[in-house]
N, C-alpha and C. Protein backbone atom coordinates (compact mmCIF):
# COMPACT_ATOMS: atom_id res chain seq x y z
N UNK A 1 -14.19 71.62 -15.60
CA UNK A 1 -13.71 70.36 -14.94
C UNK A 1 -14.47 70.21 -13.65
N UNK A 2 -15.07 69.03 -13.39
CA UNK A 2 -15.77 68.73 -12.18
C UNK A 2 -15.00 67.94 -11.21
N UNK A 3 -15.36 67.97 -9.96
CA UNK A 3 -14.70 67.19 -8.88
C UNK A 3 -15.66 66.16 -8.39
N UNK A 4 -15.19 64.96 -8.15
CA UNK A 4 -16.00 63.87 -7.62
C UNK A 4 -15.62 63.64 -6.26
N UNK A 5 -16.47 63.98 -5.26
CA UNK A 5 -16.09 63.75 -3.85
C UNK A 5 -16.54 62.35 -3.39
N UNK A 6 -15.57 61.41 -3.65
CA UNK A 6 -15.94 59.94 -3.33
C UNK A 6 -17.26 59.61 -3.91
N UNK A 7 -17.36 59.83 -5.23
CA UNK A 7 -18.58 59.65 -5.99
C UNK A 7 -19.47 58.52 -5.56
N UNK A 8 -20.54 58.25 -6.33
CA UNK A 8 -21.42 57.19 -5.96
C UNK A 8 -20.80 55.85 -5.67
N UNK A 9 -19.79 55.58 -6.41
CA UNK A 9 -19.09 54.29 -6.31
C UNK A 9 -17.65 54.41 -5.82
N UNK A 10 -17.31 55.55 -5.13
CA UNK A 10 -16.00 55.78 -4.70
C UNK A 10 -15.13 56.38 -5.77
N UNK A 11 -13.83 56.52 -5.47
CA UNK A 11 -12.84 57.08 -6.40
C UNK A 11 -12.69 56.13 -7.61
N UNK A 12 -12.72 56.72 -8.76
CA UNK A 12 -12.46 55.86 -9.98
C UNK A 12 -11.71 56.75 -10.98
N UNK A 13 -11.09 56.02 -12.00
CA UNK A 13 -10.31 56.64 -13.01
C UNK A 13 -10.63 56.04 -14.34
N UNK A 14 -10.25 56.70 -15.43
CA UNK A 14 -10.45 56.19 -16.77
C UNK A 14 -11.54 56.91 -17.52
N UNK A 15 -11.81 56.48 -18.69
CA UNK A 15 -12.79 57.09 -19.57
C UNK A 15 -14.16 56.48 -19.52
N UNK A 16 -15.22 57.21 -19.43
CA UNK A 16 -16.56 56.76 -19.53
C UNK A 16 -17.26 57.70 -20.51
N UNK A 17 -17.60 57.18 -21.71
CA UNK A 17 -18.21 58.05 -22.68
C UNK A 17 -17.29 59.11 -23.13
N UNK A 18 -17.68 60.37 -23.05
CA UNK A 18 -16.78 61.39 -23.43
C UNK A 18 -16.19 62.15 -22.18
N UNK A 19 -16.19 61.43 -21.04
CA UNK A 19 -15.66 61.95 -19.82
C UNK A 19 -14.41 61.14 -19.40
N UNK A 20 -13.40 61.79 -18.85
CA UNK A 20 -12.23 61.16 -18.40
C UNK A 20 -12.07 61.44 -16.85
N UNK A 21 -11.95 60.44 -16.05
CA UNK A 21 -11.80 60.63 -14.65
C UNK A 21 -10.38 60.27 -14.16
N UNK A 22 -9.77 61.12 -13.33
CA UNK A 22 -8.42 60.84 -12.90
C UNK A 22 -8.22 61.57 -11.51
N UNK A 23 -7.15 61.23 -10.85
CA UNK A 23 -6.76 61.86 -9.55
C UNK A 23 -5.78 62.94 -9.76
N UNK A 24 -6.15 64.17 -9.22
CA UNK A 24 -5.22 65.32 -9.34
C UNK A 24 -5.08 65.94 -7.98
N UNK A 25 -3.87 65.99 -7.45
CA UNK A 25 -3.55 66.58 -6.12
C UNK A 25 -4.50 65.91 -5.07
N UNK A 26 -4.63 64.62 -5.14
CA UNK A 26 -5.42 63.86 -4.14
C UNK A 26 -6.88 63.94 -4.32
N UNK A 27 -7.40 64.63 -5.30
CA UNK A 27 -8.86 64.71 -5.57
C UNK A 27 -9.22 63.97 -6.85
N UNK A 28 -10.39 63.35 -6.90
CA UNK A 28 -10.84 62.65 -8.05
C UNK A 28 -11.60 63.75 -8.92
N UNK A 29 -11.03 64.02 -10.13
CA UNK A 29 -11.60 65.02 -11.00
C UNK A 29 -11.99 64.40 -12.30
N UNK A 30 -12.79 65.13 -13.08
CA UNK A 30 -13.17 64.67 -14.42
C UNK A 30 -13.21 65.81 -15.39
N UNK A 31 -13.05 65.52 -16.67
CA UNK A 31 -13.02 66.52 -17.62
C UNK A 31 -13.68 65.94 -18.92
N UNK A 32 -14.26 66.78 -19.72
CA UNK A 32 -14.89 66.33 -20.95
C UNK A 32 -13.89 66.34 -22.08
N UNK A 33 -13.97 65.27 -22.93
CA UNK A 33 -13.04 65.21 -24.07
C UNK A 33 -13.64 66.10 -25.13
N UNK A 34 -12.86 67.13 -25.58
CA UNK A 34 -13.35 68.00 -26.64
C UNK A 34 -12.81 67.62 -28.00
N UNK A 35 -13.40 68.14 -28.99
CA UNK A 35 -12.99 67.83 -30.34
C UNK A 35 -11.88 68.80 -30.70
N UNK A 36 -10.76 68.21 -31.27
CA UNK A 36 -9.66 69.04 -31.69
C UNK A 36 -9.86 69.52 -33.08
N UNK A 37 -10.11 70.83 -33.24
CA UNK A 37 -10.39 71.29 -34.60
C UNK A 37 -9.09 71.84 -35.32
N UNK A 38 -7.94 71.69 -34.69
CA UNK A 38 -6.72 72.16 -35.33
C UNK A 38 -6.28 71.15 -36.40
N UNK A 39 -5.86 71.59 -37.52
CA UNK A 39 -5.34 70.64 -38.62
C UNK A 39 -4.07 69.98 -38.11
N UNK A 40 -3.95 68.70 -38.44
CA UNK A 40 -2.74 67.95 -37.97
C UNK A 40 -1.51 68.54 -38.59
N UNK A 41 -0.40 68.52 -37.81
CA UNK A 41 0.88 68.98 -38.33
C UNK A 41 1.51 67.95 -39.26
N UNK A 42 2.52 68.36 -40.02
CA UNK A 42 3.19 67.42 -40.90
C UNK A 42 3.80 66.26 -40.13
N UNK A 43 4.33 66.55 -38.98
CA UNK A 43 4.90 65.51 -38.17
C UNK A 43 3.77 64.43 -37.76
N UNK A 44 2.64 64.97 -37.35
CA UNK A 44 1.55 64.07 -37.01
C UNK A 44 1.06 63.23 -38.20
N UNK A 45 0.99 63.85 -39.34
CA UNK A 45 0.58 63.15 -40.54
C UNK A 45 1.64 62.04 -40.84
N UNK A 46 2.90 62.41 -40.79
CA UNK A 46 3.99 61.48 -41.03
C UNK A 46 3.81 60.14 -40.08
N UNK A 47 3.67 60.45 -38.83
CA UNK A 47 3.53 59.38 -37.81
C UNK A 47 2.30 58.53 -38.15
N UNK A 48 1.17 59.19 -38.46
CA UNK A 48 -0.01 58.41 -38.78
C UNK A 48 0.19 57.53 -40.02
N UNK A 49 0.83 58.12 -41.06
CA UNK A 49 1.09 57.35 -42.28
C UNK A 49 2.00 56.16 -42.01
N UNK A 50 3.02 56.40 -41.22
CA UNK A 50 3.96 55.37 -40.89
C UNK A 50 3.25 54.18 -40.18
N UNK A 51 2.41 54.50 -39.19
CA UNK A 51 1.72 53.46 -38.39
C UNK A 51 0.73 52.74 -39.27
N UNK A 52 0.12 53.39 -40.19
CA UNK A 52 -0.79 52.78 -41.10
C UNK A 52 -0.08 51.81 -42.01
N UNK A 53 1.02 52.26 -42.60
CA UNK A 53 1.83 51.37 -43.45
C UNK A 53 2.32 50.17 -42.74
N UNK A 54 2.86 50.31 -41.58
CA UNK A 54 3.40 49.15 -40.84
C UNK A 54 2.29 48.18 -40.46
N UNK A 55 1.17 48.79 -39.95
CA UNK A 55 0.07 47.93 -39.54
C UNK A 55 -0.52 47.11 -40.67
N UNK A 56 -0.69 47.74 -41.83
CA UNK A 56 -1.22 47.04 -43.00
C UNK A 56 -0.24 45.97 -43.49
N UNK A 57 1.00 46.30 -43.50
CA UNK A 57 2.01 45.34 -43.91
C UNK A 57 2.03 44.14 -43.04
N UNK A 58 2.02 44.30 -41.72
CA UNK A 58 2.06 43.13 -40.80
C UNK A 58 0.73 42.42 -40.78
N UNK A 59 -0.33 43.06 -41.13
CA UNK A 59 -1.62 42.34 -41.19
C UNK A 59 -1.60 41.33 -42.26
N UNK A 60 -0.93 41.66 -43.37
CA UNK A 60 -0.82 40.77 -44.50
C UNK A 60 0.10 39.58 -44.22
N UNK A 61 0.95 39.76 -43.21
CA UNK A 61 1.91 38.69 -42.80
C UNK A 61 1.39 37.89 -41.58
N UNK A 62 0.22 38.12 -41.12
CA UNK A 62 -0.27 37.60 -39.89
C UNK A 62 -0.13 36.11 -39.67
N UNK A 63 -0.34 35.34 -40.77
CA UNK A 63 -0.25 33.89 -40.62
C UNK A 63 1.13 33.48 -40.27
N UNK A 64 2.12 34.13 -40.83
CA UNK A 64 3.54 33.83 -40.62
C UNK A 64 3.99 34.39 -39.21
N UNK A 65 3.78 35.66 -38.96
CA UNK A 65 4.28 36.18 -37.71
C UNK A 65 3.57 35.59 -36.44
N UNK A 66 2.43 34.99 -36.64
CA UNK A 66 1.76 34.35 -35.52
C UNK A 66 2.69 33.25 -34.99
N UNK A 67 3.49 32.63 -35.83
CA UNK A 67 4.47 31.63 -35.43
C UNK A 67 5.79 32.32 -35.17
N UNK A 68 6.20 33.20 -36.06
CA UNK A 68 7.45 33.87 -35.96
C UNK A 68 7.74 34.62 -34.72
N UNK A 69 6.72 35.17 -34.12
CA UNK A 69 6.86 35.94 -32.84
C UNK A 69 6.09 35.23 -31.72
N UNK A 70 5.88 33.91 -31.79
CA UNK A 70 5.08 33.14 -30.78
C UNK A 70 5.89 32.82 -29.51
N UNK A 71 7.19 32.97 -29.61
CA UNK A 71 8.03 32.58 -28.41
C UNK A 71 8.39 33.85 -27.59
N UNK A 72 7.90 35.01 -27.92
CA UNK A 72 8.04 36.24 -27.12
C UNK A 72 7.42 36.01 -25.69
N UNK A 73 7.97 36.59 -24.65
CA UNK A 73 7.43 36.42 -23.38
C UNK A 73 5.91 36.83 -23.36
N UNK A 74 5.13 35.97 -22.71
CA UNK A 74 3.67 36.25 -22.68
C UNK A 74 3.36 37.39 -21.68
N UNK A 75 2.65 38.35 -22.21
CA UNK A 75 2.21 39.50 -21.30
C UNK A 75 0.73 39.75 -21.61
N UNK A 76 0.05 40.26 -20.57
CA UNK A 76 -1.34 40.47 -20.71
C UNK A 76 -1.63 41.50 -21.83
N UNK A 77 -2.50 41.14 -22.70
CA UNK A 77 -2.89 42.08 -23.80
C UNK A 77 -1.97 42.10 -24.98
N UNK A 78 -0.85 41.30 -24.95
CA UNK A 78 0.10 41.27 -26.07
C UNK A 78 -0.11 40.00 -26.83
N UNK A 79 0.17 40.14 -28.14
CA UNK A 79 0.11 39.02 -29.03
C UNK A 79 1.19 39.15 -30.04
N UNK A 80 1.43 38.10 -30.89
CA UNK A 80 2.47 38.09 -31.91
C UNK A 80 2.44 39.32 -32.78
N UNK A 81 1.25 39.77 -33.14
CA UNK A 81 1.18 41.00 -34.01
C UNK A 81 1.67 42.25 -33.31
N UNK A 82 1.33 42.34 -31.98
CA UNK A 82 1.78 43.50 -31.14
C UNK A 82 3.33 43.45 -31.13
N UNK A 83 3.90 42.29 -30.89
CA UNK A 83 5.35 42.12 -30.77
C UNK A 83 6.00 42.49 -32.10
N UNK A 84 5.44 42.03 -33.19
CA UNK A 84 6.03 42.32 -34.51
C UNK A 84 5.98 43.85 -34.76
N UNK A 85 4.87 44.53 -34.42
CA UNK A 85 4.79 45.93 -34.59
C UNK A 85 5.85 46.65 -33.72
N UNK A 86 5.96 46.22 -32.46
CA UNK A 86 6.90 46.87 -31.54
C UNK A 86 8.31 46.86 -32.05
N UNK A 87 8.78 45.68 -32.59
CA UNK A 87 10.14 45.56 -32.96
C UNK A 87 10.45 46.11 -34.43
N UNK A 88 9.40 46.46 -35.13
CA UNK A 88 9.67 46.87 -36.50
C UNK A 88 9.22 48.29 -36.83
N UNK A 89 8.33 48.90 -36.08
CA UNK A 89 7.68 50.09 -36.53
C UNK A 89 8.65 51.31 -36.62
N UNK A 90 9.68 51.28 -35.87
CA UNK A 90 10.67 52.42 -35.91
C UNK A 90 11.81 52.14 -36.85
N UNK A 91 11.84 51.02 -37.52
CA UNK A 91 13.02 50.63 -38.28
C UNK A 91 12.79 50.38 -39.73
N UNK A 92 11.55 50.24 -40.16
CA UNK A 92 11.34 49.72 -41.49
C UNK A 92 10.69 50.73 -42.50
N UNK A 93 10.63 51.99 -42.10
CA UNK A 93 10.09 52.99 -42.95
C UNK A 93 11.23 53.94 -43.48
N UNK A 94 11.30 54.05 -44.83
CA UNK A 94 12.37 54.98 -45.35
C UNK A 94 11.71 56.02 -46.28
N UNK A 95 12.48 57.04 -46.51
CA UNK A 95 11.96 58.11 -47.38
C UNK A 95 11.60 59.39 -46.61
N UNK A 96 11.17 60.42 -47.27
CA UNK A 96 10.80 61.66 -46.69
C UNK A 96 9.31 61.84 -46.95
N UNK A 97 8.52 62.17 -45.86
CA UNK A 97 7.10 62.29 -46.04
C UNK A 97 6.81 63.35 -47.11
N UNK A 98 5.76 63.16 -48.05
CA UNK A 98 4.87 62.01 -48.03
C UNK A 98 5.33 60.80 -48.84
N UNK A 99 6.59 60.82 -49.30
CA UNK A 99 7.11 59.73 -50.17
C UNK A 99 7.80 58.66 -49.28
N UNK A 100 6.98 57.95 -48.58
CA UNK A 100 7.49 56.96 -47.58
C UNK A 100 7.25 55.47 -48.23
N UNK A 101 8.15 54.54 -47.89
CA UNK A 101 8.01 53.25 -48.33
C UNK A 101 8.64 52.21 -47.34
N UNK A 102 8.27 50.98 -47.43
CA UNK A 102 8.79 49.93 -46.57
C UNK A 102 10.22 49.59 -46.93
N UNK A 103 11.11 49.55 -45.94
CA UNK A 103 12.52 49.10 -46.20
C UNK A 103 12.53 47.63 -45.83
N UNK A 104 12.24 46.83 -46.92
CA UNK A 104 12.02 45.38 -46.78
C UNK A 104 13.28 44.71 -46.19
N UNK A 105 14.43 45.21 -46.43
CA UNK A 105 15.68 44.55 -45.92
C UNK A 105 15.79 44.71 -44.43
N UNK A 106 15.00 45.59 -43.86
CA UNK A 106 15.03 45.85 -42.38
C UNK A 106 14.05 45.08 -41.60
N UNK A 107 13.08 44.48 -42.31
CA UNK A 107 11.91 43.84 -41.64
C UNK A 107 12.36 42.51 -40.91
N UNK A 108 11.81 42.39 -39.72
CA UNK A 108 12.00 41.14 -38.93
C UNK A 108 10.68 40.46 -38.89
N UNK A 109 10.58 39.23 -39.52
CA UNK A 109 9.34 38.52 -39.47
C UNK A 109 9.33 37.41 -38.47
N UNK A 110 10.47 37.16 -37.75
CA UNK A 110 10.47 36.25 -36.64
C UNK A 110 11.57 36.77 -35.72
N UNK A 111 11.41 36.42 -34.44
CA UNK A 111 12.39 36.91 -33.46
C UNK A 111 12.54 35.86 -32.40
N UNK A 112 13.82 35.51 -32.03
CA UNK A 112 14.08 34.50 -31.04
C UNK A 112 15.57 34.28 -30.84
N UNK A 113 15.87 33.20 -30.09
CA UNK A 113 17.21 32.98 -29.57
C UNK A 113 18.00 31.90 -30.43
N UNK A 114 17.34 31.22 -31.41
CA UNK A 114 18.09 30.21 -32.18
C UNK A 114 19.08 30.88 -33.10
N UNK A 115 19.99 30.09 -33.60
CA UNK A 115 21.01 30.64 -34.56
C UNK A 115 20.37 30.88 -35.91
N UNK A 116 20.73 31.94 -36.60
CA UNK A 116 20.22 32.17 -37.93
C UNK A 116 20.98 31.31 -38.89
N UNK A 117 20.55 31.29 -40.20
CA UNK A 117 21.21 30.51 -41.21
C UNK A 117 22.68 31.05 -41.40
N UNK A 118 23.59 30.16 -41.59
CA UNK A 118 24.99 30.53 -41.75
C UNK A 118 25.36 30.43 -43.26
N UNK A 119 25.83 31.63 -43.78
CA UNK A 119 26.23 31.70 -45.18
C UNK A 119 25.17 31.19 -46.19
N UNK A 120 23.96 31.67 -46.01
CA UNK A 120 22.85 31.23 -46.87
C UNK A 120 22.95 31.82 -48.24
N UNK A 121 22.32 31.10 -49.20
CA UNK A 121 22.28 31.58 -50.61
C UNK A 121 20.84 31.31 -51.09
N UNK A 122 20.21 32.35 -51.76
CA UNK A 122 18.96 32.24 -52.36
C UNK A 122 19.11 32.29 -53.90
N UNK A 123 18.59 31.28 -54.60
CA UNK A 123 18.67 31.19 -56.04
C UNK A 123 17.27 31.02 -56.62
N UNK A 124 16.92 31.85 -57.58
CA UNK A 124 15.64 31.80 -58.21
C UNK A 124 15.67 30.89 -59.44
N UNK A 125 14.63 30.10 -59.59
CA UNK A 125 14.36 29.34 -60.84
C UNK A 125 13.11 29.74 -61.44
N UNK A 126 12.60 28.97 -62.41
CA UNK A 126 11.36 29.37 -63.08
C UNK A 126 10.15 29.44 -62.14
N UNK A 127 10.09 28.55 -61.19
CA UNK A 127 8.88 28.50 -60.39
C UNK A 127 9.11 28.29 -58.86
N UNK A 128 10.37 28.47 -58.42
CA UNK A 128 10.61 28.40 -56.96
C UNK A 128 11.89 29.09 -56.60
N UNK A 129 12.04 29.36 -55.28
CA UNK A 129 13.25 29.95 -54.81
C UNK A 129 13.90 28.81 -53.97
N UNK A 130 15.21 28.54 -54.27
CA UNK A 130 15.94 27.56 -53.52
C UNK A 130 16.87 28.26 -52.52
N UNK A 131 16.73 27.85 -51.26
CA UNK A 131 17.56 28.40 -50.15
C UNK A 131 18.52 27.32 -49.74
N UNK A 132 19.75 27.74 -49.57
CA UNK A 132 20.71 26.78 -49.09
C UNK A 132 21.66 27.50 -48.06
N UNK A 133 22.24 26.77 -47.18
CA UNK A 133 23.05 27.28 -46.08
C UNK A 133 24.13 26.28 -45.68
N UNK A 134 25.12 26.73 -44.98
CA UNK A 134 26.18 25.84 -44.47
C UNK A 134 25.61 24.92 -43.39
N UNK A 135 26.02 23.60 -43.46
CA UNK A 135 25.65 22.69 -42.44
C UNK A 135 26.87 21.82 -42.10
N UNK A 136 26.69 20.94 -41.08
CA UNK A 136 27.75 20.12 -40.64
C UNK A 136 27.22 18.79 -40.24
N UNK A 137 27.73 17.72 -40.76
CA UNK A 137 27.21 16.38 -40.48
C UNK A 137 27.34 16.02 -39.00
N UNK A 138 28.19 16.71 -38.23
CA UNK A 138 28.38 16.46 -36.82
C UNK A 138 27.54 17.50 -35.98
N UNK A 139 26.61 18.18 -36.62
CA UNK A 139 25.83 19.17 -35.88
C UNK A 139 25.10 18.44 -34.75
N UNK A 140 25.12 19.16 -33.52
CA UNK A 140 24.54 18.53 -32.39
C UNK A 140 23.02 18.57 -32.33
N UNK A 141 22.44 17.61 -31.63
CA UNK A 141 20.99 17.65 -31.39
C UNK A 141 20.77 18.57 -30.21
N UNK A 142 19.71 19.42 -30.09
CA UNK A 142 18.59 19.48 -31.04
C UNK A 142 18.73 20.43 -32.16
N UNK A 143 19.88 21.15 -32.25
CA UNK A 143 20.04 22.20 -33.31
C UNK A 143 19.83 21.55 -34.65
N UNK A 144 20.29 20.36 -34.87
CA UNK A 144 20.22 19.72 -36.19
C UNK A 144 18.79 19.47 -36.59
N UNK A 145 17.87 19.49 -35.68
CA UNK A 145 16.47 19.19 -36.01
C UNK A 145 15.61 20.49 -36.22
N UNK A 146 16.25 21.64 -36.02
CA UNK A 146 15.55 22.91 -36.32
C UNK A 146 15.01 22.87 -37.76
N UNK A 147 13.84 23.43 -38.04
CA UNK A 147 13.30 23.45 -39.38
C UNK A 147 13.25 24.82 -39.94
N UNK A 148 13.42 24.87 -41.25
CA UNK A 148 13.48 26.18 -41.95
C UNK A 148 12.03 26.74 -42.08
N UNK A 149 12.03 28.03 -41.88
CA UNK A 149 10.76 28.80 -42.16
C UNK A 149 11.09 29.75 -43.42
N UNK A 150 10.25 29.76 -44.34
CA UNK A 150 10.40 30.55 -45.60
C UNK A 150 9.21 31.42 -45.82
N UNK A 151 9.46 32.60 -46.37
CA UNK A 151 8.39 33.58 -46.68
C UNK A 151 8.76 34.45 -47.88
N UNK A 152 7.81 34.50 -48.78
CA UNK A 152 7.94 35.46 -49.89
C UNK A 152 6.71 36.42 -49.85
N UNK A 153 6.99 37.68 -49.80
CA UNK A 153 5.90 38.76 -49.77
C UNK A 153 5.84 39.39 -51.14
N UNK A 154 4.65 39.41 -51.76
CA UNK A 154 4.49 39.99 -53.06
C UNK A 154 4.01 41.45 -52.97
N UNK A 155 4.84 42.35 -53.34
CA UNK A 155 4.59 43.72 -53.07
C UNK A 155 3.34 44.31 -53.75
N UNK A 156 3.07 43.98 -55.00
CA UNK A 156 1.91 44.52 -55.66
C UNK A 156 0.58 44.00 -55.10
N UNK A 157 0.48 42.70 -54.98
CA UNK A 157 -0.79 42.11 -54.51
C UNK A 157 -0.96 41.99 -53.05
N UNK A 158 0.17 42.22 -52.28
CA UNK A 158 0.23 42.17 -50.88
C UNK A 158 -0.08 40.77 -50.38
N UNK A 159 0.23 39.76 -51.22
CA UNK A 159 0.03 38.32 -50.81
C UNK A 159 1.32 37.73 -50.34
N UNK A 160 1.23 36.63 -49.66
CA UNK A 160 2.42 35.90 -49.17
C UNK A 160 2.33 34.44 -49.56
N UNK A 161 3.50 33.86 -49.82
CA UNK A 161 3.66 32.40 -49.94
C UNK A 161 4.66 32.01 -48.87
N UNK A 162 4.38 30.97 -48.12
CA UNK A 162 5.26 30.64 -47.01
C UNK A 162 5.23 29.16 -46.73
N UNK A 163 6.26 28.73 -45.95
CA UNK A 163 6.33 27.35 -45.39
C UNK A 163 6.85 27.55 -43.97
N UNK A 164 6.05 27.15 -43.03
CA UNK A 164 6.45 27.31 -41.61
C UNK A 164 7.39 26.24 -41.06
N UNK A 165 7.27 25.02 -41.58
CA UNK A 165 8.05 23.93 -41.06
C UNK A 165 8.66 23.18 -42.22
N UNK A 166 9.77 23.64 -42.68
CA UNK A 166 10.39 23.07 -43.82
C UNK A 166 11.44 22.03 -43.50
N UNK A 167 12.49 21.82 -44.29
CA UNK A 167 13.53 20.89 -44.07
C UNK A 167 14.32 21.22 -42.85
N UNK A 168 15.09 20.22 -42.34
CA UNK A 168 15.87 20.44 -41.09
C UNK A 168 17.09 21.24 -41.39
N UNK A 169 17.61 21.89 -40.34
CA UNK A 169 18.84 22.67 -40.48
C UNK A 169 19.96 21.79 -40.97
N UNK A 170 19.95 20.54 -40.59
CA UNK A 170 21.03 19.59 -41.04
C UNK A 170 21.00 19.33 -42.53
N UNK A 171 19.83 19.44 -43.14
CA UNK A 171 19.66 19.10 -44.60
C UNK A 171 20.40 20.10 -45.52
N UNK A 172 20.50 21.40 -45.12
CA UNK A 172 21.25 22.31 -45.79
C UNK A 172 20.55 23.05 -46.94
N UNK A 173 19.30 22.69 -47.27
CA UNK A 173 18.55 23.40 -48.36
C UNK A 173 17.06 23.07 -48.33
N UNK A 174 16.31 23.97 -48.91
CA UNK A 174 14.86 23.79 -49.12
C UNK A 174 14.45 24.72 -50.21
N UNK A 175 13.17 24.46 -50.71
CA UNK A 175 12.64 25.23 -51.83
C UNK A 175 11.27 25.80 -51.45
N UNK A 176 10.95 27.01 -51.93
CA UNK A 176 9.65 27.61 -51.71
C UNK A 176 9.00 27.72 -53.12
N UNK A 177 7.93 27.04 -53.36
CA UNK A 177 7.22 27.06 -54.65
C UNK A 177 6.48 28.41 -54.80
N UNK A 178 6.53 28.93 -56.02
CA UNK A 178 5.87 30.15 -56.33
C UNK A 178 4.75 29.84 -57.25
N UNK A 179 3.48 30.29 -56.87
CA UNK A 179 2.29 30.03 -57.69
C UNK A 179 2.38 30.72 -59.04
N UNK A 180 1.86 30.08 -60.07
CA UNK A 180 1.83 30.65 -61.40
C UNK A 180 1.11 31.99 -61.39
N UNK A 181 0.12 32.17 -60.63
CA UNK A 181 -0.66 33.40 -60.61
C UNK A 181 0.12 34.68 -60.15
N UNK A 182 1.22 34.39 -59.45
CA UNK A 182 2.08 35.48 -58.96
C UNK A 182 3.32 35.70 -59.70
N UNK A 183 3.51 34.98 -60.80
CA UNK A 183 4.72 35.17 -61.70
C UNK A 183 4.64 36.54 -62.26
N UNK A 184 5.83 37.21 -62.19
CA UNK A 184 6.02 38.57 -62.78
C UNK A 184 5.96 39.65 -61.67
N UNK A 185 5.52 39.27 -60.44
CA UNK A 185 5.50 40.31 -59.31
C UNK A 185 6.84 40.39 -58.62
N UNK A 186 7.11 41.59 -58.09
CA UNK A 186 8.27 41.66 -57.18
C UNK A 186 7.98 41.03 -55.89
N UNK A 187 8.91 40.23 -55.39
CA UNK A 187 8.74 39.54 -54.12
C UNK A 187 9.95 39.75 -53.25
N UNK A 188 9.72 39.93 -51.96
CA UNK A 188 10.67 40.13 -50.98
C UNK A 188 10.74 38.79 -50.10
N UNK A 189 11.91 38.28 -49.86
CA UNK A 189 11.97 36.96 -49.24
C UNK A 189 12.74 36.93 -47.96
N UNK A 190 12.34 36.05 -47.04
CA UNK A 190 12.92 35.91 -45.73
C UNK A 190 13.02 34.45 -45.32
N UNK A 191 13.97 34.14 -44.49
CA UNK A 191 14.08 32.79 -43.95
C UNK A 191 14.32 32.84 -42.44
N UNK A 192 14.08 31.80 -41.77
CA UNK A 192 14.36 31.68 -40.34
C UNK A 192 14.34 30.20 -39.96
N UNK A 193 14.50 29.89 -38.69
CA UNK A 193 14.48 28.54 -38.20
C UNK A 193 13.54 28.48 -37.00
N UNK A 194 12.88 27.34 -36.83
CA UNK A 194 12.05 27.06 -35.70
C UNK A 194 12.44 25.74 -35.11
N UNK A 195 12.41 25.58 -33.80
CA UNK A 195 12.87 24.33 -33.18
C UNK A 195 11.78 23.23 -33.40
N UNK A 196 12.18 21.99 -33.36
CA UNK A 196 11.18 20.93 -33.62
C UNK A 196 10.16 20.84 -32.54
N UNK A 197 10.43 21.36 -31.38
CA UNK A 197 9.39 21.37 -30.29
C UNK A 197 8.60 22.68 -30.29
N UNK A 198 8.88 23.53 -31.27
CA UNK A 198 8.16 24.87 -31.47
C UNK A 198 8.34 25.87 -30.35
N UNK A 199 9.33 25.60 -29.46
CA UNK A 199 9.59 26.45 -28.34
C UNK A 199 10.65 27.58 -28.62
N UNK A 200 11.29 27.52 -29.75
CA UNK A 200 12.32 28.46 -30.14
C UNK A 200 12.25 28.82 -31.59
N UNK A 201 12.64 30.05 -31.92
CA UNK A 201 12.77 30.48 -33.33
C UNK A 201 14.02 31.41 -33.37
N UNK A 202 14.49 31.62 -34.57
CA UNK A 202 15.64 32.48 -34.82
C UNK A 202 15.14 33.90 -35.33
N UNK A 203 15.93 34.89 -35.15
CA UNK A 203 15.67 36.11 -35.84
C UNK A 203 15.69 35.84 -37.36
N UNK A 204 14.72 36.40 -38.07
CA UNK A 204 14.70 36.15 -39.49
C UNK A 204 15.86 36.84 -40.20
N UNK A 205 16.08 36.30 -41.41
CA UNK A 205 17.17 36.86 -42.24
C UNK A 205 16.50 37.27 -43.57
N UNK A 206 16.77 38.52 -44.04
CA UNK A 206 16.28 39.01 -45.36
C UNK A 206 17.04 38.22 -46.44
N UNK A 207 16.34 37.60 -47.36
CA UNK A 207 16.97 36.75 -48.32
C UNK A 207 17.02 37.37 -49.73
N UNK A 208 16.53 38.56 -49.90
CA UNK A 208 16.71 39.24 -51.16
C UNK A 208 15.31 39.52 -51.86
N UNK A 209 15.41 40.38 -52.85
CA UNK A 209 14.28 40.77 -53.70
C UNK A 209 14.39 40.16 -55.08
N UNK A 210 13.28 39.63 -55.62
CA UNK A 210 13.33 38.93 -56.90
C UNK A 210 12.00 39.35 -57.70
N UNK A 211 12.05 39.11 -58.97
CA UNK A 211 10.84 39.20 -59.79
C UNK A 211 10.44 37.80 -60.04
N UNK A 212 9.27 37.43 -59.57
CA UNK A 212 8.82 36.04 -59.60
C UNK A 212 8.61 35.62 -61.04
């Protein structure tokens, strides 16, 4: 470990190449990053596997969560994908390593302060999923103008079918068309609401698993 006495450019911290600079007991010191030759522990392997699974899963949902997590407070270096990972990574993996899998019913694909669907029902037909929920003709504005968000994730192909701005909350129902090319696959479905001005969303609701 070397010591930097107010080096060429003064005190500094952080990594440069394979050297890390930091302050220790009031002195600017540096150390070289060495290669860890120890084999990873089972706990480390489990954490790495979980992070890879969650990251790959949300990467496939990127077009949807870009809107679903868009109303989270803006912070430097943070984006909707980061927020989705933060709120899901510790909650959506089940099983015992190495037999891990996604707990689809625990996944949150949107997060916000709007009301979720009340008493919703999902019904599968030959080529679409119909979602319906309780509504009220006297529903106040702007709640009545919230629009339904729908998502189907296809487990085998890792593809998604979605609608970001569907029918109004007041309408009480909407449909998500399923492409013929995905018929026969297991799909996991979710619904949410987004405000007409796009400034608010609801926490998503898991709508069930189906065979397309």
